[in-house]
């Protein structure tokens, strides 16, 4: 049976970015997948459909979308350099991808949200644990909600192929459980981000914990709703399958 703390951690966690590498699906395939996922048993874990502004007209109108670029949509994702561009009034939530911690102060002053790139298809696209921890800690200090994007295909820190191509190079990937539990327990963020043993994490109805450091389920739900919002992934099935193998789903 699904522990209530695991449900709190995973609800609405994954924004589907099937259009982007390494999956890089066609719009037809990505739309078909998202429609199937939102009708499936794990629809409760699904967030928004991530799409570039130039292609948003190709997405069904009833899909909840997160749009990359300036557009008329309720959720946008911008580069820091795009912050100064006029935005339509309809955009009620804006995530800003930053390249340095100093930019977070400006994002907070503008009443926006932050975005952290946590990986990609090359080794240099993955920030180290220190950088991720510093980002989380500064967001916590500022009361700044954030999302993550790229590289979080697996629950726990691991070494995996960087793409789906045969013989692809491998690299160390951050785990999405690591990242979001680090956000829930920011005073231990560095150690949690470096954790590679799934057994160090435990989920019960009352709380979730890492090596004895726990957060109550109600507080974890609040962290997810107000602080650590979601992550973009080009795969919805890969994270699900890993969680099932761990016995967390």
Protein backbone atom coordinates (compact mmCIF):
# COMPACT_ATOMS: atom_id res chain seq x y z
CA UNK A 1 0.00 0.00 0.00
CA UNK A 2 1.24 3.48 -0.88
CA UNK A 3 2.48 5.34 2.19
CA UNK A 4 0.80 8.70 2.68
CA UNK A 5 4.17 10.47 2.87
CA UNK A 6 5.19 8.95 -0.48
CA UNK A 7 1.89 10.12 -1.93
CA UNK A 8 2.61 13.61 -0.62
CA UNK A 9 6.08 13.57 -2.16
CA UNK A 10 5.06 12.26 -5.59
CA UNK A 11 1.72 13.99 -6.21
CA UNK A 12 1.93 16.16 -9.34
CA UNK A 13 5.70 15.81 -9.27
CA UNK A 14 6.52 15.15 -12.93
CA UNK A 15 6.02 17.70 -15.69
CA UNK A 16 6.12 15.74 -18.92
CA UNK A 17 8.77 17.03 -21.33
CA UNK A 18 8.71 14.30 -23.97
CA UNK A 19 9.47 16.82 -26.72
CA UNK A 20 12.93 17.42 -25.29
CA UNK A 21 16.17 15.38 -25.30
CA UNK A 22 17.05 12.69 -24.71
CA UNK A 23 13.58 11.43 -25.71
CA UNK A 24 13.00 14.19 -28.30
CA UNK A 25 9.66 12.76 -29.38
CA UNK A 26 7.46 14.16 -32.12
CA UNK A 27 4.53 16.31 -31.03
CA UNK A 28 2.16 13.54 -32.08
CA UNK A 29 3.87 10.95 -29.88
CA UNK A 30 4.34 13.29 -26.91
CA UNK A 31 0.68 14.36 -26.98
CA UNK A 32 -0.45 10.75 -27.28
CA UNK A 33 1.70 9.77 -24.30
CA UNK A 34 0.51 12.61 -22.10
CA UNK A 35 -3.11 11.85 -22.87
CA UNK A 36 -2.55 8.20 -21.93
CA UNK A 37 -0.72 9.12 -18.73
CA UNK A 38 -3.43 11.49 -17.54
CA UNK A 39 -5.99 8.72 -18.00
CA UNK A 40 -3.84 6.06 -16.34
CA UNK A 41 -3.43 4.75 -12.81
CA UNK A 42 -0.64 7.22 -12.01
CA UNK A 43 -2.28 10.37 -13.35
CA UNK A 44 -2.03 11.79 -9.82
CA UNK A 45 1.75 12.01 -10.27
CA UNK A 46 1.53 13.89 -13.55
CA UNK A 47 2.01 17.64 -13.73
CA UNK A 48 2.03 19.78 -16.87
CA UNK A 49 2.91 19.26 -20.52
CA UNK A 50 6.12 21.20 -21.22
CA UNK A 51 6.18 22.85 -24.66
CA UNK A 52 8.11 25.65 -26.40
CA UNK A 53 6.05 28.77 -27.02
CA UNK A 54 6.39 28.33 -30.78
CA UNK A 55 4.64 24.95 -30.62
CA UNK A 56 2.01 25.53 -27.94
CA UNK A 57 -0.72 25.87 -30.59
CA UNK A 58 -0.12 22.20 -31.47
CA UNK A 59 -1.07 21.03 -27.97
CA UNK A 60 -4.71 20.22 -27.13
CA UNK A 61 -6.39 23.09 -25.36
CA UNK A 62 -7.41 21.00 -22.36
CA UNK A 63 -3.82 20.00 -21.54
CA UNK A 64 -2.32 21.85 -18.56
CA UNK A 65 0.78 23.39 -20.12
CA UNK A 66 4.04 24.88 -18.94
CA UNK A 67 5.32 27.02 -21.81
CA UNK A 68 8.97 27.82 -22.46
CA UNK A 69 9.11 31.45 -23.51
CA UNK A 70 6.86 34.48 -23.44
CA UNK A 71 3.30 33.47 -24.33
CA UNK A 72 -0.30 33.68 -23.22
CA UNK A 73 -0.43 30.84 -20.71
CA UNK A 74 -0.94 30.52 -16.97
CA UNK A 75 2.50 28.96 -16.39
CA UNK A 76 5.66 30.10 -18.17
CA UNK A 77 9.30 29.06 -17.95
CA UNK A 78 11.82 31.77 -18.88
CA UNK A 79 15.56 32.21 -18.96
CA UNK A 80 16.79 34.88 -16.56
CA UNK A 81 17.64 37.07 -19.53
CA UNK A 82 13.99 37.02 -20.60
CA UNK A 83 12.70 38.37 -17.29
CA UNK A 84 12.63 41.93 -18.52
CA UNK A 85 10.42 41.16 -21.50
CA UNK A 86 6.76 42.18 -21.23
CA UNK A 87 4.61 39.23 -20.24
CA UNK A 88 0.90 38.74 -20.88
CA UNK A 89 -1.30 39.29 -17.86
CA UNK A 90 -2.59 35.74 -18.18
CA UNK A 91 0.76 34.37 -16.96
CA UNK A 92 0.13 33.95 -13.26
CA UNK A 93 3.15 31.73 -12.53
CA UNK A 94 6.60 32.30 -14.01
CA UNK A 95 9.64 30.10 -13.39
CA UNK A 96 12.99 31.70 -14.13
CA UNK A 97 16.00 29.56 -14.94
CA UNK A 98 19.01 31.07 -13.21
CA UNK A 99 22.69 30.57 -13.87
CA UNK A 100 23.89 31.87 -10.51
CA UNK A 101 22.67 32.25 -6.95
CA UNK A 102 22.84 36.04 -7.08
CA UNK A 103 20.03 36.04 -9.63
CA UNK A 104 17.68 34.40 -7.12
CA UNK A 105 17.38 37.63 -5.15
CA UNK A 106 16.16 39.45 -8.23
CA UNK A 107 13.72 36.64 -9.07
CA UNK A 108 12.31 36.84 -5.54
CA UNK A 109 11.99 40.64 -5.71
CA UNK A 110 9.92 40.31 -8.88
CA UNK A 111 7.56 37.83 -7.21
CA UNK A 112 8.51 35.05 -9.62
CA UNK A 113 9.67 31.48 -9.07
CA UNK A 114 13.06 29.86 -9.69
CA UNK A 115 14.12 27.03 -11.97
CA UNK A 116 17.21 24.86 -11.63
CA UNK A 117 18.73 22.84 -14.45
CA UNK A 118 19.77 19.53 -12.87
CA UNK A 119 21.21 17.71 -15.88
CA UNK A 120 21.18 17.12 -19.61
CA UNK A 121 22.75 14.88 -22.23
CA UNK A 122 26.38 15.79 -21.49
CA UNK A 123 28.46 15.54 -18.31
CA UNK A 124 28.92 19.29 -18.01
CA UNK A 125 25.13 19.82 -17.91
CA UNK A 126 24.95 18.30 -14.42
CA UNK A 127 25.65 20.70 -11.54
CA UNK A 128 27.44 19.19 -8.58
CA UNK A 129 25.66 18.50 -5.30
CA UNK A 130 27.15 21.59 -3.69
CA UNK A 131 25.59 23.84 -6.31
CA UNK A 132 22.19 22.15 -6.06
CA UNK A 133 22.28 22.34 -2.26
CA UNK A 134 23.23 26.03 -2.34
CA UNK A 135 20.34 26.70 -4.73
CA UNK A 136 17.85 24.92 -2.46
CA UNK A 137 19.15 26.62 0.66
CA UNK A 138 19.02 30.09 -0.88
CA UNK A 139 15.50 29.49 -2.19
CA UNK A 140 14.48 28.39 1.30
CA UNK A 141 15.99 31.55 2.81
CA UNK A 142 14.11 33.71 0.31
CA UNK A 143 10.86 31.78 0.53
CA UNK A 144 11.22 31.25 -3.22
CA UNK A 145 9.35 28.37 -4.84
CA UNK A 146 11.23 26.43 -7.50
CA UNK A 147 11.10 23.63 -10.03
CA UNK A 148 13.89 21.51 -11.50
CA UNK A 149 14.45 20.42 -15.07
CA UNK A 150 16.45 17.79 -16.95
CA UNK A 151 18.45 14.82 -15.75
CA UNK A 152 16.12 13.61 -12.99
CA UNK A 153 15.04 10.32 -14.55
CA UNK A 154 15.77 8.17 -11.51
CA UNK A 155 14.70 8.41 -7.86
CA UNK A 156 18.13 7.98 -6.28
CA UNK A 157 21.56 9.34 -7.17
CA UNK A 158 23.14 6.87 -9.58
CA UNK A 159 25.39 6.32 -12.57
CA UNK A 160 23.37 5.80 -15.74
CA UNK A 161 23.64 6.36 -19.51
CA UNK A 162 23.12 10.03 -20.37
CA UNK A 163 20.96 9.28 -23.43
CA UNK A 164 18.94 6.38 -24.80
CA UNK A 165 21.39 5.70 -27.64
CA UNK A 166 23.20 2.32 -27.66
CA UNK A 167 26.61 2.67 -26.05
CA UNK A 168 25.83 6.13 -24.68
CA UNK A 169 28.33 7.52 -22.16
CA UNK A 170 27.39 7.18 -18.52
CA UNK A 171 27.45 9.79 -15.81
CA UNK A 172 26.35 10.50 -12.26
CA UNK A 173 22.74 11.68 -12.13
CA UNK A 174 20.95 13.38 -9.27
CA UNK A 175 17.96 11.47 -7.93
CA UNK A 176 14.62 13.24 -7.83
CA UNK A 177 13.89 11.78 -4.39
CA UNK A 178 17.24 13.18 -3.27
CA UNK A 179 16.43 16.63 -4.64
CA UNK A 180 12.93 16.90 -3.22
CA UNK A 181 13.81 15.38 0.14
CA UNK A 182 16.73 17.82 0.28
CA UNK A 183 14.18 20.59 -0.21
CA UNK A 184 12.07 19.11 2.59
CA UNK A 185 15.09 18.87 4.92
CA UNK A 186 17.32 21.74 3.68
CA UNK A 187 19.52 21.64 6.78
CA UNK A 188 20.77 18.25 5.51
CA UNK A 189 20.62 19.04 1.79
CA UNK A 190 24.25 18.30 0.92
CA UNK A 191 24.29 14.88 2.55
CA UNK A 192 20.90 13.94 1.12
CA UNK A 193 21.93 14.93 -2.41
CA UNK A 194 24.99 12.66 -2.16
CA UNK A 195 22.97 9.68 -0.90
CA UNK A 196 23.05 6.67 -3.25
CA UNK A 197 21.46 4.06 -0.97
CA UNK A 198 17.67 3.94 -1.37
CA UNK A 199 17.42 2.20 2.01
CA UNK A 200 18.41 5.48 3.67
CA UNK A 201 14.97 6.86 2.77
CA UNK A 202 11.82 5.62 4.50
CA UNK A 203 8.17 6.44 3.91
CA UNK A 204 5.30 5.84 6.31
CA UNK A 205 1.83 7.29 6.66
CA UNK A 206 3.03 9.72 9.32
CA UNK A 207 6.35 10.90 7.91
CA UNK A 208 9.17 10.59 5.39
CA UNK A 209 12.74 10.34 6.57
CA UNK A 210 16.38 10.17 5.55
CA UNK A 211 18.73 8.40 7.98
CA UNK A 212 16.49 9.20 10.92
CA UNK A 213 15.85 12.84 10.01
CA UNK A 214 12.13 13.08 9.36
CA UNK A 215 9.44 15.42 8.14
CA UNK A 216 5.76 14.96 8.94
CA UNK A 217 3.54 14.06 6.02
CA UNK A 218 1.47 17.24 6.36
CA UNK A 219 4.63 19.34 6.33
CA UNK A 220 5.98 17.45 3.31
CA UNK A 221 2.74 18.12 1.44
CA UNK A 222 3.11 21.81 2.26
CA UNK A 223 6.73 21.81 0.99
CA UNK A 224 5.57 20.32 -2.29
CA UNK A 225 2.65 22.71 -2.67
CA UNK A 226 4.48 25.88 -1.71
CA UNK A 227 8.23 25.36 -2.23
CA UNK A 228 9.53 22.38 -4.22
CA UNK A 229 6.91 22.24 -6.95
CA UNK A 230 7.88 19.78 -9.71
CA UNK A 231 10.53 18.62 -12.13
CA UNK A 232 10.49 18.31 -15.90
CA UNK A 233 11.31 14.91 -17.37
CA UNK A 234 11.26 13.65 -20.94
CA UNK A 235 10.10 10.30 -19.52
CA UNK A 236 7.15 9.66 -17.25
CA UNK A 237 7.43 5.88 -17.32
CA UNK A 238 11.11 5.61 -16.34
CA UNK A 239 10.64 7.34 -12.96
CA UNK A 240 7.50 5.29 -12.32
CA UNK A 241 9.20 1.99 -13.08
CA UNK A 242 12.12 2.82 -10.77
CA UNK A 243 9.75 3.73 -7.93
CA UNK A 244 7.89 0.47 -8.41
CA UNK A 245 11.14 -1.49 -8.27
CA UNK A 246 11.98 0.21 -4.98
CA UNK A 247 8.56 -0.69 -3.59
CA UNK A 248 7.59 2.97 -3.12
CA UNK A 249 4.64 2.77 -5.50
